[in-house]
Amino acid sequence: MKIELAKDKDGYTARVAGRKQLTAFGFTKVEALEELAGVVEFELESQSEIRQIEKKINEQIHHLSEQD
């Protein structure tokens, strides 16, 4: 499972690859990833799957914060 970040006209779009309903927008990369975590919790029922995706999101946020 892969988390994708893409530059948008006004900010960034974060999504879980292959999961159309798991998409979020933010003005910054971190904001988009944080929004995606909320979408994942709202849309999915499997706690195991939620934890896996949230782990990937948190890894990306951590990686971005190290770059600053």
N, C-alpha and C. Protein backbone atom coordinates (compact mmCIF):
# COMPACT_ATOMS: atom_id res chain seq x y z
N MET A 1 0.85 -1.17 0.00
CA MET A 1 0.00 0.00 0.00
C MET A 1 0.90 1.23 0.00
N LYS A 2 0.56 2.18 -0.86
CA LYS A 2 1.40 3.35 -1.06
C LYS A 2 0.59 4.62 -0.85
N ILE A 3 1.19 5.58 -0.17
CA ILE A 3 0.58 6.89 0.02
C ILE A 3 1.19 7.82 -1.03
N GLU A 4 0.34 8.48 -1.79
CA GLU A 4 0.81 9.36 -2.84
C GLU A 4 0.48 10.81 -2.50
N LEU A 5 1.43 11.69 -2.78
CA LEU A 5 1.25 13.13 -2.61
C LEU A 5 1.43 13.79 -3.97
N ALA A 6 0.52 14.67 -4.32
CA ALA A 6 0.64 15.37 -5.60
C ALA A 6 0.35 16.85 -5.39
N LYS A 7 1.13 17.68 -6.08
CA LYS A 7 0.90 19.13 -6.04
C LYS A 7 -0.39 19.41 -6.78
N ASP A 8 -1.21 20.23 -6.19
CA ASP A 8 -2.49 20.63 -6.74
C ASP A 8 -2.41 22.13 -7.02
N LYS A 9 -3.39 22.68 -7.68
CA LYS A 9 -3.40 24.11 -7.98
C LYS A 9 -3.22 24.95 -6.72
N ASP A 10 -3.95 24.62 -5.67
CA ASP A 10 -3.94 25.42 -4.44
C ASP A 10 -3.23 24.77 -3.26
N GLY A 11 -2.69 23.58 -3.44
CA GLY A 11 -2.05 22.89 -2.33
C GLY A 11 -1.59 21.51 -2.75
N TYR A 12 -1.98 20.51 -1.95
CA TYR A 12 -1.56 19.13 -2.19
C TYR A 12 -2.72 18.17 -2.01
N THR A 13 -2.67 17.09 -2.78
CA THR A 13 -3.63 16.02 -2.64
C THR A 13 -2.86 14.79 -2.15
N ALA A 14 -3.39 14.16 -1.11
CA ALA A 14 -2.81 12.92 -0.59
C ALA A 14 -3.83 11.82 -0.81
N ARG A 15 -3.35 10.64 -1.21
CA ARG A 15 -4.28 9.54 -1.41
C ARG A 15 -3.59 8.20 -1.21
N VAL A 16 -4.42 7.21 -0.95
CA VAL A 16 -3.93 5.84 -0.86
C VAL A 16 -4.06 5.27 -2.26
N ALA A 17 -2.95 4.85 -2.83
CA ALA A 17 -2.95 4.33 -4.19
C ALA A 17 -3.95 3.18 -4.33
N GLY A 18 -4.74 3.26 -5.39
CA GLY A 18 -5.70 2.20 -5.68
C GLY A 18 -6.98 2.27 -4.87
N ARG A 19 -7.14 3.28 -4.04
CA ARG A 19 -8.34 3.43 -3.21
C ARG A 19 -8.94 4.80 -3.47
N LYS A 20 -9.80 4.89 -4.46
CA LYS A 20 -10.36 6.15 -4.93
C LYS A 20 -11.00 6.99 -3.83
N GLN A 21 -11.68 6.33 -2.89
CA GLN A 21 -12.39 7.07 -1.84
C GLN A 21 -11.47 7.59 -0.75
N LEU A 22 -10.21 7.17 -0.76
CA LEU A 22 -9.27 7.58 0.27
C LEU A 22 -8.36 8.69 -0.27
N THR A 23 -8.92 9.88 -0.37
CA THR A 23 -8.24 11.04 -0.93
C THR A 23 -8.53 12.25 -0.05
N ALA A 24 -7.52 13.12 0.12
CA ALA A 24 -7.71 14.32 0.94
C ALA A 24 -6.88 15.47 0.36
N PHE A 25 -7.28 16.69 0.70
CA PHE A 25 -6.59 17.90 0.25
C PHE A 25 -6.06 18.68 1.44
N GLY A 26 -4.92 19.33 1.24
CA GLY A 26 -4.37 20.24 2.25
C GLY A 26 -3.54 21.31 1.57
N PHE A 27 -3.38 22.43 2.24
CA PHE A 27 -2.57 23.51 1.68
C PHE A 27 -1.08 23.19 1.74
N THR A 28 -0.69 22.30 2.67
CA THR A 28 0.70 21.83 2.76
C THR A 28 0.69 20.31 2.64
N LYS A 29 1.87 19.73 2.44
CA LYS A 29 1.97 18.27 2.35
C LYS A 29 1.51 17.62 3.65
N VAL A 30 1.98 18.15 4.77
CA VAL A 30 1.63 17.58 6.07
C VAL A 30 0.12 17.70 6.32
N GLU A 31 -0.44 18.84 6.00
CA GLU A 31 -1.88 19.03 6.19
C GLU A 31 -2.67 18.03 5.35
N ALA A 32 -2.25 17.79 4.13
CA ALA A 32 -2.94 16.81 3.27
C ALA A 32 -2.85 15.41 3.87
N LEU A 33 -1.68 15.06 4.40
CA LEU A 33 -1.52 13.74 5.01
C LEU A 33 -2.36 13.60 6.28
N GLU A 34 -2.41 14.65 7.08
CA GLU A 34 -3.23 14.62 8.30
C GLU A 34 -4.71 14.48 7.95
N GLU A 35 -5.14 15.18 6.93
CA GLU A 35 -6.54 15.06 6.47
C GLU A 35 -6.82 13.65 5.97
N LEU A 36 -5.85 13.07 5.28
CA LEU A 36 -6.01 11.71 4.77
C LEU A 36 -6.21 10.72 5.92
N ALA A 37 -5.50 10.92 7.01
CA ALA A 37 -5.66 10.04 8.17
C ALA A 37 -7.10 10.08 8.67
N GLY A 38 -7.70 11.26 8.69
CA GLY A 38 -9.10 11.39 9.10
C GLY A 38 -10.05 10.69 8.14
N VAL A 39 -9.78 10.81 6.86
CA VAL A 39 -10.60 10.15 5.84
C VAL A 39 -10.52 8.64 6.01
N VAL A 40 -9.33 8.13 6.24
CA VAL A 40 -9.13 6.69 6.42
C VAL A 40 -9.96 6.18 7.59
N GLU A 41 -9.91 6.89 8.71
CA GLU A 41 -10.68 6.47 9.89
C GLU A 41 -12.18 6.50 9.62
N PHE A 42 -12.63 7.48 8.86
CA PHE A 42 -14.05 7.62 8.57
C PHE A 42 -14.55 6.58 7.58
N GLU A 43 -13.76 6.28 6.56
CA GLU A 43 -14.19 5.43 5.46
C GLU A 43 -14.02 3.92 5.70
N LEU A 44 -13.03 3.54 6.50
CA LEU A 44 -12.73 2.11 6.66
C LEU A 44 -13.27 1.57 7.97
N GLU A 45 -13.60 0.30 7.96
CA GLU A 45 -14.11 -0.36 9.17
C GLU A 45 -13.04 -1.24 9.83
N SER A 46 -12.13 -1.76 9.04
CA SER A 46 -11.11 -2.67 9.55
C SER A 46 -10.04 -1.91 10.33
N GLN A 47 -9.98 -2.14 11.64
CA GLN A 47 -8.98 -1.47 12.47
C GLN A 47 -7.56 -1.83 12.04
N SER A 48 -7.37 -3.04 11.60
CA SER A 48 -6.06 -3.48 11.13
C SER A 48 -5.63 -2.67 9.91
N GLU A 49 -6.53 -2.51 8.97
CA GLU A 49 -6.23 -1.75 7.76
C GLU A 49 -6.01 -0.27 8.09
N ILE A 50 -6.81 0.27 8.99
CA ILE A 50 -6.65 1.66 9.41
C ILE A 50 -5.27 1.87 10.01
N ARG A 51 -4.85 0.97 10.89
CA ARG A 51 -3.53 1.09 11.53
C ARG A 51 -2.41 1.02 10.50
N GLN A 52 -2.53 0.13 9.52
CA GLN A 52 -1.50 0.00 8.49
C GLN A 52 -1.36 1.29 7.69
N ILE A 53 -2.48 1.84 7.28
CA ILE A 53 -2.45 3.07 6.48
C ILE A 53 -1.95 4.24 7.32
N GLU A 54 -2.44 4.34 8.56
CA GLU A 54 -1.99 5.43 9.43
C GLU A 54 -0.49 5.35 9.70
N LYS A 55 0.05 4.15 9.80
CA LYS A 55 1.49 3.97 9.99
C LYS A 55 2.24 4.55 8.79
N LYS A 56 1.78 4.25 7.58
CA LYS A 56 2.41 4.78 6.37
C LYS A 56 2.31 6.31 6.33
N ILE A 57 1.16 6.84 6.69
CA ILE A 57 0.97 8.29 6.71
C ILE A 57 1.93 8.93 7.71
N ASN A 58 2.02 8.37 8.90
CA ASN A 58 2.91 8.92 9.92
C ASN A 58 4.38 8.84 9.50
N GLU A 59 4.75 7.79 8.80
CA GLU A 59 6.11 7.68 8.28
C GLU A 59 6.40 8.81 7.31
N GLN A 60 5.44 9.12 6.45
CA GLN A 60 5.63 10.20 5.48
C GLN A 60 5.72 11.55 6.19
N ILE A 61 4.85 11.78 7.18
CA ILE A 61 4.90 13.04 7.93
C ILE A 61 6.26 13.17 8.62
N HIS A 62 6.72 12.11 9.22
CA HIS A 62 8.02 12.13 9.89
C HIS A 62 9.14 12.45 8.89
N HIS A 63 9.09 11.81 7.74
CA HIS A 63 10.09 12.05 6.70
C HIS A 63 10.07 13.52 6.25
N LEU A 64 8.88 14.08 6.07
CA LEU A 64 8.76 15.48 5.66
C LEU A 64 9.31 16.42 6.73
N SER A 65 9.05 16.11 8.00
CA SER A 65 9.52 16.98 9.08
C SER A 65 11.05 16.94 9.20
N GLU A 66 11.65 15.83 8.83
CA GLU A 66 13.11 15.73 8.85
C GLU A 66 13.73 16.58 7.75
N GLN A 67 13.01 16.81 6.68
CA GLN A 67 13.52 17.60 5.56
C GLN A 67 13.52 19.09 5.86
N ASP A 68 12.69 19.52 6.81
CA ASP A 68 12.59 20.96 7.13
C ASP A 68 13.74 21.48 7.91
